Amino acid sequence: QVQLVESGGGSVQAGESLRLSCLVSGIEFSSNPMAWYRQAPQKNRELVAGISHPGSATYAASVNGRFTISRDNSKNRLWLQMTNLKPEDTAVYYCNLLDVGAIWDDSWGQGTQVTVSA
């Protein structure tokens, strides 16, 4: 099954930037649309951004224009460049398949915490 290791989170102030990284193994990475999700305290996990192949991406309205998702198929890496961070972006960020119907319950990684202070 897919294995996912997220990194790059941290504590920042509003307006600052972070770059998250996800190392993927256990699947044919280049053939799978990927995504970033996040989960804030007492809220459901939500889709942040998705990418099928380099240059093709979609975003949640709340982050559109501020976040950029990218992938490097030669390195099995998924990235999320986050700029102009806001307190409402505070959450644990996870990477996984874009197709939520194909995600196994035990495939989620530890995630990486992003905390944005006003």
PDB file of N, CA and C in Angstrom:
ATOM      1  N   GLN A   1       0.818  -1.169   0.000  1.00  0.00           N
ATOM      2  CA  GLN A   1       0.000   0.000   0.000  1.00  0.00           C
ATOM      3  C   GLN A   1       0.874   1.247   0.000  1.00  0.00           C
ATOM      4  N   VAL A   2       0.257   2.360  -0.331  1.00  0.00           N
ATOM      5  CA  VAL A   2       0.975   3.612  -0.419  1.00  0.00           C
ATOM      6  C   VAL A   2       1.535   4.008   0.947  1.00  0.00           C
ATOM      7  N   GLN A   3       2.755   4.543   0.933  1.00  0.00           N
ATOM      8  CA  GLN A   3       3.379   5.081   2.124  1.00  0.00           C
ATOM      9  C   GLN A   3       3.707   6.550   1.869  1.00  0.00           C
ATOM     10  N   LEU A   4       3.403   7.384   2.840  1.00  0.00           N
ATOM     11  CA  LEU A   4       3.492   8.824   2.675  1.00  0.00           C
ATOM     12  C   LEU A   4       4.177   9.444   3.883  1.00  0.00           C
ATOM     13  N   VAL A   5       5.159  10.289   3.619  1.00  0.00           N
ATOM     14  CA  VAL A   5       5.884  10.966   4.678  1.00  0.00           C
ATOM     15  C   VAL A   5       5.886  12.457   4.395  1.00  0.00           C
ATOM     16  N   GLU A   6       5.155  13.203   5.215  1.00  0.00           N
ATOM     17  CA  GLU A   6       5.053  14.647   5.057  1.00  0.00           C
ATOM     18  C   GLU A   6       6.088  15.353   5.927  1.00  0.00           C
ATOM     19  N   SER A   7       6.539  16.502   5.454  1.00  0.00           N
ATOM     20  CA  SER A   7       7.488  17.305   6.211  1.00  0.00           C
ATOM     21  C   SER A   7       7.380  18.756   5.779  1.00  0.00           C
ATOM     22  N   GLY A   8       8.012  19.642   6.534  1.00  0.00           N
ATOM     23  CA  GLY A   8       8.084  21.039   6.157  1.00  0.00           C
ATOM     24  C   GLY A   8       7.190  21.983   6.933  1.00  0.00           C
ATOM     25  N   GLY A   9       6.328  21.456   7.793  1.00  0.00           N
ATOM     26  CA  GLY A   9       5.449  22.309   8.567  1.00  0.00           C
ATOM     27  C   GLY A   9       6.203  23.074   9.640  1.00  0.00           C
ATOM     28  N   GLY A  10       5.490  23.967  10.299  1.00  0.00           N
ATOM     29  CA  GLY A  10       6.091  24.765  11.349  1.00  0.00           C
ATOM     30  C   GLY A  10       5.149  25.839  11.830  1.00  0.00           C
ATOM     31  N   SER A  11       5.653  26.694  12.693  1.00  0.00           N
ATOM     32  CA  SER A  11       4.880  27.807  13.234  1.00  0.00           C
ATOM     33  C   SER A  11       5.368  29.106  12.625  1.00  0.00           C
ATOM     34  N   VAL A  12       4.445  29.846  12.026  1.00  0.00           N
ATOM     35  CA  VAL A  12       4.775  31.101  11.367  1.00  0.00           C
ATOM     36  C   VAL A  12       3.724  32.145  11.707  1.00  0.00           C
ATOM     37  N   GLN A  13       4.006  33.373  11.348  1.00  0.00           N
ATOM     38  CA  GLN A  13       3.050  34.452  11.514  1.00  0.00           C
ATOM     39  C   GLN A  13       2.300  34.698  10.215  1.00  0.00           C
ATOM     40  N   ALA A  14       1.133  35.290  10.329  1.00  0.00           N
ATOM     41  CA  ALA A  14       0.326  35.588   9.151  1.00  0.00           C
ATOM     42  C   ALA A  14       1.136  36.365   8.124  1.00  0.00           C
ATOM     43  N   GLY A  15       0.966  35.978   6.859  1.00  0.00           N
ATOM     44  CA  GLY A  15       1.668  36.627   5.774  1.00  0.00           C
ATOM     45  C   GLY A  15       2.954  35.931   5.363  1.00  0.00           C
ATOM     46  N   GLU A  16       3.435  35.020   6.180  1.00  0.00           N
ATOM     47  CA  GLU A  16       4.666  34.309   5.869  1.00  0.00           C
ATOM     48  C   GLU A  16       4.393  33.083   5.005  1.00  0.00           C
ATOM     49  N   SER A  17       5.452  32.370   4.653  1.00  0.00           N
ATOM     50  CA  SER A  17       5.357  31.256   3.719  1.00  0.00           C
ATOM     51  C   SER A  17       5.966  29.988   4.288  1.00  0.00           C
ATOM     52  N   LEU A  18       5.498  28.863   3.775  1.00  0.00           N
ATOM     53  CA  LEU A  18       6.054  27.555   4.081  1.00  0.00           C
ATOM     54  C   LEU A  18       5.984  26.693   2.833  1.00  0.00           C
ATOM     55  N   ARG A  19       6.895  25.738   2.734  1.00  0.00           N
ATOM     56  CA  ARG A  19       6.889  24.780   1.648  1.00  0.00           C
ATOM     57  C   ARG A  19       6.847  23.374   2.237  1.00  0.00           C
ATOM     58  N   LEU A  20       5.781  22.645   1.946  1.00  0.00           N
ATOM     59  CA  LEU A  20       5.609  21.294   2.439  1.00  0.00           C
ATOM     60  C   LEU A  20       6.075  20.285   1.405  1.00  0.00           C
ATOM     61  N   SER A  21       6.562  19.152   1.888  1.00  0.00           N
ATOM     62  CA  SER A  21       7.048  18.100   1.024  1.00  0.00           C
ATOM     63  C   SER A  21       6.415  16.772   1.420  1.00  0.00           C
ATOM     64  N   CYS A  22       6.183  15.924   0.433  1.00  0.00           N
ATOM     65  CA  CYS A  22       5.635  14.592   0.666  1.00  0.00           C
ATOM     66  C   CYS A  22       6.437  13.586  -0.145  1.00  0.00           C
ATOM     67  N   LEU A  23       7.031  12.623   0.536  1.00  0.00           N
ATOM     68  CA  LEU A  23       7.739  11.537  -0.119  1.00  0.00           C
ATOM     69  C   LEU A  23       6.795  10.352  -0.237  1.00  0.00           C
ATOM     70  N   VAL A  24       6.623   9.844  -1.449  1.00  0.00           N
ATOM     71  CA  VAL A  24       5.647   8.798  -1.733  1.00  0.00           C
ATOM     72  C   VAL A  24       6.354   7.517  -2.138  1.00  0.00           C
ATOM     73  N   SER A  25       5.876   6.398  -1.620  1.00  0.00           N
ATOM     74  CA  SER A  25       6.378   5.091  -2.021  1.00  0.00           C
ATOM     75  C   SER A  25       5.238   4.083  -1.962  1.00  0.00           C
ATOM     76  N   GLY A  26       5.458   2.925  -2.568  1.00  0.00           N
ATOM     77  CA  GLY A  26       4.456   1.874  -2.543  1.00  0.00           C
ATOM     78  C   GLY A  26       3.471   1.898  -3.694  1.00  0.00           C
ATOM     79  N   ILE A  27       3.556   2.886  -4.552  1.00  0.00           N
ATOM     80  CA  ILE A  27       2.695   2.988  -5.715  1.00  0.00           C
ATOM     81  C   ILE A  27       3.507   3.476  -6.907  1.00  0.00           C
ATOM     82  N   GLU A  28       2.915   3.367  -8.080  1.00  0.00           N
ATOM     83  CA  GLU A  28       3.512   3.955  -9.273  1.00  0.00           C
ATOM     84  C   GLU A  28       3.157   5.432  -9.232  1.00  0.00           C
ATOM     85  N   PHE A  29       4.048   6.214  -8.673  1.00  0.00           N
ATOM     86  CA  PHE A  29       3.750   7.605  -8.354  1.00  0.00           C
ATOM     87  C   PHE A  29       3.294   8.406  -9.572  1.00  0.00           C
ATOM     88  N   SER A  30       4.011   8.268 -10.671  1.00  0.00           N
ATOM     89  CA  SER A  30       3.748   9.105 -11.836  1.00  0.00           C
ATOM     90  C   SER A  30       2.372   8.874 -12.445  1.00  0.00           C
ATOM     91  N   SER A  31       1.754   7.734 -12.188  1.00  0.00           N
ATOM     92  CA  SER A  31       0.462   7.411 -12.776  1.00  0.00           C
ATOM     93  C   SER A  31      -0.720   7.771 -11.872  1.00  0.00           C
ATOM     94  N   ASN A  32      -0.452   8.298 -10.695  1.00  0.00           N
ATOM     95  CA  ASN A  32      -1.506   8.573  -9.724  1.00  0.00           C
ATOM     96  C   ASN A  32      -1.688  10.062  -9.467  1.00  0.00           C
ATOM     97  N   PRO A  33      -2.885  10.578  -9.721  1.00  0.00           N
ATOM     98  CA  PRO A  33      -3.183  11.945  -9.276  1.00  0.00           C
ATOM     99  C   PRO A  33      -3.036  12.040  -7.764  1.00  0.00           C
ATOM    100  N   MET A  34      -2.409  13.103  -7.296  1.00  0.00           N
ATOM    101  CA  MET A  34      -2.121  13.268  -5.882  1.00  0.00           C
ATOM    102  C   MET A  34      -2.775  14.525  -5.342  1.00  0.00           C
ATOM    103  N   ALA A  35      -2.785  14.637  -4.021  1.00  0.00           N
ATOM    104  CA  ALA A  35      -3.454  15.774  -3.400  1.00  0.00           C
ATOM    105  C   ALA A  35      -2.865  16.082  -2.034  1.00  0.00           C
ATOM    106  N   TRP A  36      -3.098  17.306  -1.605  1.00  0.00           N
ATOM    107  CA  TRP A  36      -2.866  17.729  -0.236  1.00  0.00           C
ATOM    108  C   TRP A  36      -4.213  17.936   0.439  1.00  0.00           C
ATOM    109  N   TYR A  37      -4.313  17.448   1.664  1.00  0.00           N
ATOM    110  CA  TYR A  37      -5.487  17.630   2.505  1.00  0.00           C
ATOM    111  C   TYR A  37      -5.055  18.304   3.805  1.00  0.00           C
ATOM    112  N   ARG A  38      -6.018  18.836   4.534  1.00  0.00           N
ATOM    113  CA  ARG A  38      -5.705  19.371   5.848  1.00  0.00           C
ATOM    114  C   ARG A  38      -6.871  19.137   6.792  1.00  0.00           C
ATOM    115  N   GLN A  39      -6.548  19.086   8.075  1.00  0.00           N
ATOM    116  CA  GLN A  39      -7.564  18.902   9.093  1.00  0.00           C
ATOM    117  C   GLN A  39      -7.260  19.811  10.276  1.00  0.00           C
ATOM    118  N   ALA A  40      -8.176  20.716  10.534  1.00  0.00           N
ATOM    119  CA  ALA A  40      -8.068  21.614  11.668  1.00  0.00           C
ATOM    120  C   ALA A  40      -8.776  20.994  12.868  1.00  0.00           C
ATOM    121  N   PRO A  41      -8.448  21.432  14.077  1.00  0.00           N
ATOM    122  CA  PRO A  41      -9.107  20.886  15.268  1.00  0.00           C
ATOM    123  C   PRO A  41     -10.623  20.999  15.176  1.00  0.00           C
ATOM    124  N   GLN A  42     -11.300  19.915  15.518  1.00  0.00           N
ATOM    125  CA  GLN A  42     -12.758  19.851  15.545  1.00  0.00           C
ATOM    126  C   GLN A  42     -13.398  20.066  14.176  1.00  0.00           C
ATOM    127  N   LYS A  43     -12.637  19.852  13.115  1.00  0.00           N
ATOM    128  CA  LYS A  43     -13.168  19.959  11.765  1.00  0.00           C
ATOM    129  C   LYS A  43     -12.814  18.711  10.963  1.00  0.00           C
ATOM    130  N   ASN A  44     -13.568  18.463   9.917  1.00  0.00           N
ATOM    131  CA  ASN A  44     -13.299  17.332   9.042  1.00  0.00           C
ATOM    132  C   ASN A  44     -12.091  17.608   8.152  1.00  0.00           C
ATOM    133  N   ARG A  45     -11.462  16.541   7.710  1.00  0.00           N
ATOM    134  CA  ARG A  45     -10.383  16.684   6.755  1.00  0.00           C
ATOM    135  C   ARG A  45     -10.941  17.229   5.442  1.00  0.00           C
ATOM    136  N   GLU A  46     -10.232  18.171   4.831  1.00  0.00           N
ATOM    137  CA  GLU A  46     -10.695  18.775   3.596  1.00  0.00           C
ATOM    138  C   GLU A  46      -9.604  18.756   2.537  1.00  0.00           C
ATOM    139  N   LEU A  47     -10.024  18.726   1.294  1.00  0.00           N
ATOM    140  CA  LEU A  47      -9.100  18.776   0.170  1.00  0.00           C
ATOM    141  C   LEU A  47      -8.591  20.192  -0.020  1.00  0.00           C
ATOM    142  N   VAL A  48      -7.290  20.347  -0.133  1.00  0.00           N
ATOM    143  CA  VAL A  48      -6.670  21.650  -0.330  1.00  0.00           C
ATOM    144  C   VAL A  48      -6.301  21.863  -1.791  1.00  0.00           C
ATOM    145  N   ALA A  49      -5.635  20.893  -2.385  1.00  0.00           N
ATOM    146  CA  ALA A  49      -5.180  21.005  -3.762  1.00  0.00           C
ATOM    147  C   ALA A  49      -4.943  19.629  -4.347  1.00  0.00           C
ATOM    148  N   GLY A  50      -5.121  19.504  -5.662  1.00  0.00           N
ATOM    149  CA  GLY A  50      -4.890  18.251  -6.348  1.00  0.00           C
ATOM    150  C   GLY A  50      -4.094  18.464  -7.620  1.00  0.00           C
ATOM    151  N   ILE A  51      -3.378  17.424  -8.029  1.00  0.00           N
ATOM    152  CA  ILE A  51      -2.567  17.502  -9.240  1.00  0.00           C
ATOM    153  C   ILE A  51      -2.516  16.134  -9.900  1.00  0.00           C
ATOM    154  N   SER A  52      -2.792  16.093 -11.194  1.00  0.00           N
ATOM    155  CA  SER A  52      -2.757  14.838 -11.939  1.00  0.00           C
ATOM    156  C   SER A  52      -1.397  14.593 -12.572  1.00  0.00           C
ATOM    157  N   HIS A  53      -0.790  15.634 -13.114  1.00  0.00           N
ATOM    158  CA  HIS A  53       0.537  15.570 -13.696  1.00  0.00           C
ATOM    159  C   HIS A  53       1.131  16.967 -13.631  1.00  0.00           C
ATOM    160  N   PRO A  54       2.429  17.086 -13.836  1.00  0.00           N
ATOM    161  CA  PRO A  54       3.036  18.413 -13.745  1.00  0.00           C
ATOM    162  C   PRO A  54       2.338  19.437 -14.634  1.00  0.00           C
ATOM    163  N   GLY A  55       1.990  20.573 -14.046  1.00  0.00           N
ATOM    164  CA  GLY A  55       1.337  21.632 -14.786  1.00  0.00           C
ATOM    165  C   GLY A  55      -0.173  21.618 -14.724  1.00  0.00           C
ATOM    166  N   SER A  56      -0.769  20.593 -14.136  1.00  0.00           N
ATOM    167  CA  SER A  56      -2.214  20.476 -14.029  1.00  0.00           C
ATOM    168  C   SER A  56      -2.604  20.418 -12.560  1.00  0.00           C
ATOM    169  N   ALA A  57      -3.335  21.442 -12.087  1.00  0.00           N
ATOM    170  CA  ALA A  57      -3.656  21.520 -10.670  1.00  0.00           C
ATOM    171  C   ALA A  57      -5.001  22.172 -10.434  1.00  0.00           C
ATOM    172  N   THR A  58      -5.626  21.815  -9.315  1.00  0.00           N
ATOM    173  CA  THR A  58      -6.857  22.440  -8.861  1.00  0.00           C
ATOM    174  C   THR A  58      -6.707  22.782  -7.389  1.00  0.00           C
ATOM    175  N   TYR A  59      -7.479  23.789  -6.936  1.00  0.00           N
ATOM    176  CA  TYR A  59      -7.344  24.278  -5.571  1.00  0.00           C
ATOM    177  C   TYR A  59      -8.696  24.547  -4.937  1.00  0.00           C
ATOM    178  N   ALA A  60      -8.738  24.402  -3.628  1.00  0.00           N
ATOM    179  CA  ALA A  60      -9.892  24.852  -2.879  1.00  0.00           C
ATOM    180  C   ALA A  60      -9.974  26.372  -2.970  1.00  0.00           C
ATOM    181  N   ALA A  61     -11.190  26.893  -2.965  1.00  0.00           N
ATOM    182  CA  ALA A  61     -11.368  28.332  -3.097  1.00  0.00           C
ATOM    183  C   ALA A  61     -10.643  29.104  -2.003  1.00  0.00           C
ATOM    184  N   SER A  62     -10.550  28.523  -0.828  1.00  0.00           N
ATOM    185  CA  SER A  62      -9.948  29.201   0.311  1.00  0.00           C
ATOM    186  C   SER A  62      -8.444  29.427   0.165  1.00  0.00           C
ATOM    187  N   VAL A  63      -7.790  28.662  -0.712  1.00  0.00           N
ATOM    188  CA  VAL A  63      -6.345  28.781  -0.877  1.00  0.00           C
ATOM    189  C   VAL A  63      -5.948  29.195  -2.281  1.00  0.00           C
ATOM    190  N   ASN A  64      -6.894  29.260  -3.184  1.00  0.00           N
ATOM    191  CA  ASN A  64      -6.603  29.599  -4.572  1.00  0.00           C
ATOM    192  C   ASN A  64      -5.903  30.958  -4.667  1.00  0.00           C
ATOM    193  N   GLY A  65      -4.791  30.975  -5.376  1.00  0.00           N
ATOM    194  CA  GLY A  65      -4.013  32.193  -5.515  1.00  0.00           C
ATOM    195  C   GLY A  65      -2.917  32.334  -4.487  1.00  0.00           C
ATOM    196  N   ARG A  66      -2.968  31.526  -3.433  1.00  0.00           N
ATOM    197  CA  ARG A  66      -1.950  31.597  -2.383  1.00  0.00           C
ATOM    198  C   ARG A  66      -1.082  30.348  -2.326  1.00  0.00           C
ATOM    199  N   PHE A  67      -1.648  29.189  -2.657  1.00  0.00           N
ATOM    200  CA  PHE A  67      -0.933  27.917  -2.587  1.00  0.00           C
ATOM    201  C   PHE A  67      -0.642  27.409  -3.993  1.00  0.00           C
ATOM    202  N   THR A  68       0.455  26.685  -4.137  1.00  0.00           N
ATOM    203  CA  THR A  68       0.812  26.049  -5.394  1.00  0.00           C
ATOM    204  C   THR A  68       1.224  24.609  -5.136  1.00  0.00           C
ATOM    205  N   ILE A  69       0.533  23.670  -5.776  1.00  0.00           N
ATOM    206  CA  ILE A  69       0.884  22.271  -5.667  1.00  0.00           C
ATOM    207  C   ILE A  69       1.746  21.889  -6.872  1.00  0.00           C
ATOM    208  N   SER A  70       2.733  21.045  -6.648  1.00  0.00           N
ATOM    209  CA  SER A  70       3.592  20.598  -7.728  1.00  0.00           C
ATOM    210  C   SER A  70       4.091  19.193  -7.429  1.00  0.00           C
ATOM    211  N   ARG A  71       4.654  18.552  -8.452  1.00  0.00           N
ATOM    212  CA  ARG A  71       5.175  17.205  -8.269  1.00  0.00           C
ATOM    213  C   ARG A  71       6.405  17.012  -9.116  1.00  0.00           C
ATOM    214  N   ASP A  72       7.292  16.145  -8.651  1.00  0.00           N
ATOM    215  CA  ASP A  72       8.473  15.758  -9.388  1.00  0.00           C
ATOM    216  C   ASP A  72       8.432  14.241  -9.501  1.00  0.00           C
ATOM    217  N   ASN A  73       8.017  13.754 -10.652  1.00  0.00           N
ATOM    218  CA  ASN A  73       7.834  12.318 -10.823  1.00  0.00           C
ATOM    219  C   ASN A  73       9.146  11.541 -10.777  1.00  0.00           C
ATOM    220  N   SER A  74      10.251  12.199 -11.088  1.00  0.00           N
ATOM    221  CA  SER A  74      11.542  11.524 -11.038  1.00  0.00           C
ATOM    222  C   SER A  74      12.015  11.292  -9.610  1.00  0.00           C
ATOM    223  N   LYS A  75      11.437  12.025  -8.659  1.00  0.00           N
ATOM    224  CA  LYS A  75      11.834  11.925  -7.254  1.00  0.00           C
ATOM    225  C   LYS A  75      10.729  11.412  -6.345  1.00  0.00           C
ATOM    226  N   ASN A  76       9.572  11.085  -6.905  1.00  0.00           N
ATOM    227  CA  ASN A  76       8.416  10.644  -6.119  1.00  0.00           C
ATOM    228  C   ASN A  76       8.086  11.651  -5.019  1.00  0.00           C
ATOM    229  N   ARG A  77       8.102  12.919  -5.386  1.00  0.00           N
ATOM    230  CA  ARG A  77       7.873  13.993  -4.428  1.00  0.00           C
ATOM    231  C   ARG A  77       6.668  14.826  -4.815  1.00  0.00           C
ATOM    232  N   LEU A  78       5.904  15.191  -3.819  1.00  0.00           N
ATOM    233  CA  LEU A  78       4.782  16.094  -3.955  1.00  0.00           C
ATOM    234  C   LEU A  78       5.058  17.300  -3.067  1.00  0.00           C
ATOM    235  N   TRP A  79       4.805  18.496  -3.585  1.00  0.00           N
ATOM    236  CA  TRP A  79       5.106  19.732  -2.868  1.00  0.00           C
ATOM    237  C   TRP A  79       3.859  20.582  -2.721  1.00  0.00           C
ATOM    238  N   LEU A  80       3.858  21.415  -1.691  1.00  0.00           N
ATOM    239  CA  LEU A  80       2.835  22.438  -1.535  1.00  0.00           C
ATOM    240  C   LEU A  80       3.520  23.717  -1.074  1.00  0.00           C
ATOM    241  N   GLN A  81       3.607  24.682  -1.976  1.00  0.00           N
ATOM    242  CA  GLN A  81       4.154  25.991  -1.644  1.00  0.00           C
ATOM    243  C   GLN A  81       3.016  26.861  -1.140  1.00  0.00           C
ATOM    244  N   MET A  82       3.125  27.321   0.092  1.00  0.00           N
ATOM    245  CA  MET A  82       2.085  28.114   0.725  1.00  0.00           C
ATOM    246  C   MET A  82       2.624  29.517   0.986  1.00  0.00           C
ATOM    247  N   THR A  83       1.942  30.513   0.448  1.00  0.00           N
ATOM    248  CA  THR A  83       2.331  31.902   0.648  1.00  0.00           C
ATOM    249  C   THR A  83       1.173  32.662   1.270  1.00  0.00           C
ATOM    250  N   ASN A  84       1.492  33.830   1.840  1.00  0.00           N
ATOM    251  CA  ASN A  84       0.482  34.670   2.476  1.00  0.00           C
ATOM    252  C   ASN A  84      -0.409  33.849   3.407  1.00  0.00           C
ATOM    253  N   LEU A  85       0.213  33.107   4.277  1.00  0.00           N
ATOM    254  CA  LEU A  85      -0.533  32.238   5.182  1.00  0.00           C
ATOM    255  C   LEU A  85      -1.420  33.040   6.122  1.00  0.00           C
ATOM    256  N   LYS A  86      -2.561  32.456   6.446  1.00  0.00           N
ATOM    257  CA  LYS A  86      -3.547  33.070   7.311  1.00  0.00           C
ATOM    258  C   LYS A  86      -3.813  32.168   8.505  1.00  0.00           C
ATOM    259  N   PRO A  87      -4.284  32.733   9.624  1.00  0.00           N
ATOM    260  CA  PRO A  87      -4.573  31.895  10.795  1.00  0.00           C
ATOM    261  C   PRO A  87      -5.531  30.744  10.480  1.00  0.00           C
ATOM    262  N   GLU A  88      -6.464  30.942   9.574  1.00  0.00           N
ATOM    263  CA  GLU A  88      -7.400  29.890   9.221  1.00  0.00           C
ATOM    264  C   GLU A  88      -6.760  28.746   8.436  1.00  0.00           C
ATOM    265  N   ASP A  89      -5.494  28.900   8.049  1.00  0.00           N
ATOM    266  CA  ASP A  89      -4.760  27.814   7.412  1.00  0.00           C
ATOM    267  C   ASP A  89      -4.179  26.843   8.437  1.00  0.00           C
ATOM    268  N   THR A  90      -4.274  27.166   9.707  1.00  0.00           N
ATOM    269  CA  THR A  90      -3.741  26.309  10.754  1.00  0.00           C
ATOM    270  C   THR A  90      -4.419  24.950  10.719  1.00  0.00           C
ATOM    271  N   ALA A  91      -3.620  23.904  10.601  1.00  0.00           N
ATOM    272  CA  ALA A  91      -4.141  22.545  10.486  1.00  0.00           C
ATOM    273  C   ALA A  91      -2.977  21.574  10.383  1.00  0.00           C
ATOM    274  N   VAL A  92      -3.303  20.291  10.454  1.00  0.00           N
ATOM    275  CA  VAL A  92      -2.349  19.254  10.100  1.00  0.00           C
ATOM    276  C   VAL A  92      -2.535  18.961   8.621  1.00  0.00           C
ATOM    277  N   TYR A  93      -1.463  19.007   7.867  1.00  0.00           N
ATOM    278  CA  TYR A  93      -1.517  18.808   6.424  1.00  0.00           C
ATOM    279  C   TYR A  93      -1.046  17.412   6.058  1.00  0.00           C
ATOM    280  N   TYR A  94      -1.799  16.767   5.180  1.00  0.00           N
ATOM    281  CA  TYR A  94      -1.515  15.406   4.738  1.00  0.00           C
ATOM    282  C   TYR A  94      -1.457  15.348   3.219  1.00  0.00           C
ATOM    283  N   CYS A  95      -0.668  14.432   2.707  1.00  0.00           N
ATOM    284  CA  CYS A  95      -0.718  14.123   1.288  1.00  0.00           C
ATOM    285  C   CYS A  95      -1.329  12.741   1.103  1.00  0.00           C
ATOM    286  N   ASN A  96      -1.955  12.520  -0.040  1.00  0.00           N
ATOM    287  CA  ASN A  96      -2.538  11.232  -0.354  1.00  0.00           C
ATOM    288  C   ASN A  96      -3.040  11.261  -1.793  1.00  0.00           C
ATOM    289  N   LEU A  97      -3.702  10.186  -2.202  1.00  0.00           N
ATOM    290  CA  LEU A  97      -4.285  10.130  -3.531  1.00  0.00           C
ATOM    291  C   LEU A  97      -5.371  11.181  -3.672  1.00  0.00           C
ATOM    292  N   LEU A  98      -5.507  11.725  -4.858  1.00  0.00           N
ATOM    293  CA  LEU A  98      -6.578  12.660  -5.133  1.00  0.00           C
ATOM    294  C   LEU A  98      -7.942  11.965  -5.103  1.00  0.00           C
ATOM    295  N   ASP A  99      -7.986  10.724  -5.547  1.00  0.00           N
ATOM    296  CA  ASP A  99      -9.216   9.953  -5.542  1.00  0.00           C
ATOM    297  C   ASP A  99      -9.474   9.436  -4.130  1.00  0.00           C
ATOM    298  N   VAL A 100     -10.349  10.110  -3.396  1.00  0.00           N
ATOM    299  CA  VAL A 100     -10.592   9.743  -2.006  1.00  0.00           C
ATOM    300  C   VAL A 100     -11.225   8.366  -1.885  1.00  0.00           C
ATOM    301  N   GLY A 101     -11.896   7.910  -2.938  1.00  0.00           N
ATOM    302  CA  GLY A 101     -12.498   6.592  -2.912  1.00  0.00           C
ATOM    303  C   GLY A 101     -11.482   5.469  -2.944  1.00  0.00           C
ATOM    304  N   ALA A 102     -10.256   5.780  -3.333  1.00  0.00           N
ATOM    305  CA  ALA A 102      -9.198   4.783  -3.417  1.00  0.00           C
ATOM    306  C   ALA A 102      -8.266   4.810  -2.211  1.00  0.00           C
ATOM    307  N   ILE A 103      -8.510   5.690  -1.263  1.00  0.00           N
ATOM    308  CA  ILE A 103      -7.648   5.833  -0.093  1.00  0.00           C
ATOM    309  C   ILE A 103      -8.016   4.811   0.968  1.00  0.00           C
ATOM    310  N   TRP A 104      -7.037   4.015   1.381  1.00  0.00           N
ATOM    311  CA  TRP A 104      -7.236   3.084   2.476  1.00  0.00           C
ATOM    312  C   TRP A 104      -7.138   3.832   3.798  1.00  0.00           C
ATOM    313  N   ASP A 105      -7.917   3.402   4.787  1.00  0.00           N
ATOM    314  CA  ASP A 105      -7.940   4.070   6.084  1.00  0.00           C
ATOM    315  C   ASP A 105      -6.574   4.101   6.755  1.00  0.00           C
ATOM    316  N   ASP A 106      -5.778   3.075   6.530  1.00  0.00           N
ATOM    317  CA  ASP A 106      -4.474   2.995   7.181  1.00  0.00           C
ATOM    318  C   ASP A 106      -3.345   3.550   6.328  1.00  0.00           C
ATOM    319  N   SER A 107      -3.671   4.223   5.240  1.00  0.00           N
ATOM    320  CA  SER A 107      -2.633   4.735   4.344  1.00  0.00           C
ATOM    321  C   SER A 107      -2.192   6.153   4.681  1.00  0.00           C
ATOM    322  N   TRP A 108      -2.921   6.833   5.550  1.00  0.00           N
ATOM    323  CA  TRP A 108      -2.571   8.203   5.913  1.00  0.00           C
ATOM    324  C   TRP A 108      -1.263   8.256   6.688  1.00  0.00           C
ATOM    325  N   GLY A 109      -0.443   9.232   6.350  1.00  0.00           N
ATOM    326  CA  GLY A 109       0.795   9.444   7.076  1.00  0.00           C
ATOM    327  C   GLY A 109       0.550  10.204   8.361  1.00  0.00           C
ATOM    328  N   GLN A 110       1.635  10.596   9.003  1.00  0.00           N
ATOM    329  CA  GLN A 110       1.532  11.331  10.255  1.00  0.00           C
ATOM    330  C   GLN A 110       1.062  12.770  10.035  1.00  0.00           C
ATOM    331  N   GLY A 111       1.296  13.295   8.854  1.00  0.00           N
ATOM    332  CA  GLY A 111       0.966  14.675   8.572  1.00  0.00           C
ATOM    333  C   GLY A 111       2.032  15.611   9.113  1.00  0.00           C
ATOM    334  N   THR A 112       1.908  16.880   8.755  1.00  0.00           N
ATOM    335  CA  THR A 112       2.828  17.887   9.258  1.00  0.00           C
ATOM    336  C   THR A 112       2.021  19.096   9.720  1.00  0.00           C
ATOM    337  N   GLN A 113       2.314  19.562  10.922  1.00  0.00           N
ATOM    338  CA  GLN A 113       1.540  20.636  11.543  1.00  0.00           C
ATOM    339  C   GLN A 113       1.946  21.997  10.997  1.00  0.00           C
ATOM    340  N   VAL A 114       0.948  22.768  10.606  1.00  0.00           N
ATOM    341  CA  VAL A 114       1.146  24.158  10.213  1.00  0.00           C
ATOM    342  C   VAL A 114       0.350  25.030  11.167  1.00  0.00           C
ATOM    343  N   THR A 115       1.029  25.940  11.839  1.00  0.00           N
ATOM    344  CA  THR A 115       0.382  26.844  12.775  1.00  0.00           C
ATOM    345  C   THR A 115       0.677  28.279  12.361  1.00  0.00           C
ATOM    346  N   VAL A 116      -0.376  29.046  12.137  1.00  0.00           N
ATOM    347  CA  VAL A 116      -0.236  30.425  11.688  1.00  0.00           C
ATOM    348  C   VAL A 116      -0.831  31.345  12.742  1.00  0.00           C
ATOM    349  N   SER A 117      -0.011  32.232  13.270  1.00  0.00           N
ATOM    350  CA  SER A 117      -0.439  33.168  14.294  1.00  0.00           C
ATOM    351  C   SER A 117      -0.743  34.524  13.678  1.00  0.00           C
ATOM    352  N   ALA A 118      -1.768  35.180  14.212  1.00  0.00           N
ATOM    353  CA  ALA A 118      -2.144  36.500  13.728  1.00  0.00           C
ATOM    354  C   ALA A 118      -1.168  37.566  14.193  1.00  0.00           C
TER     355      ALA A 118
END
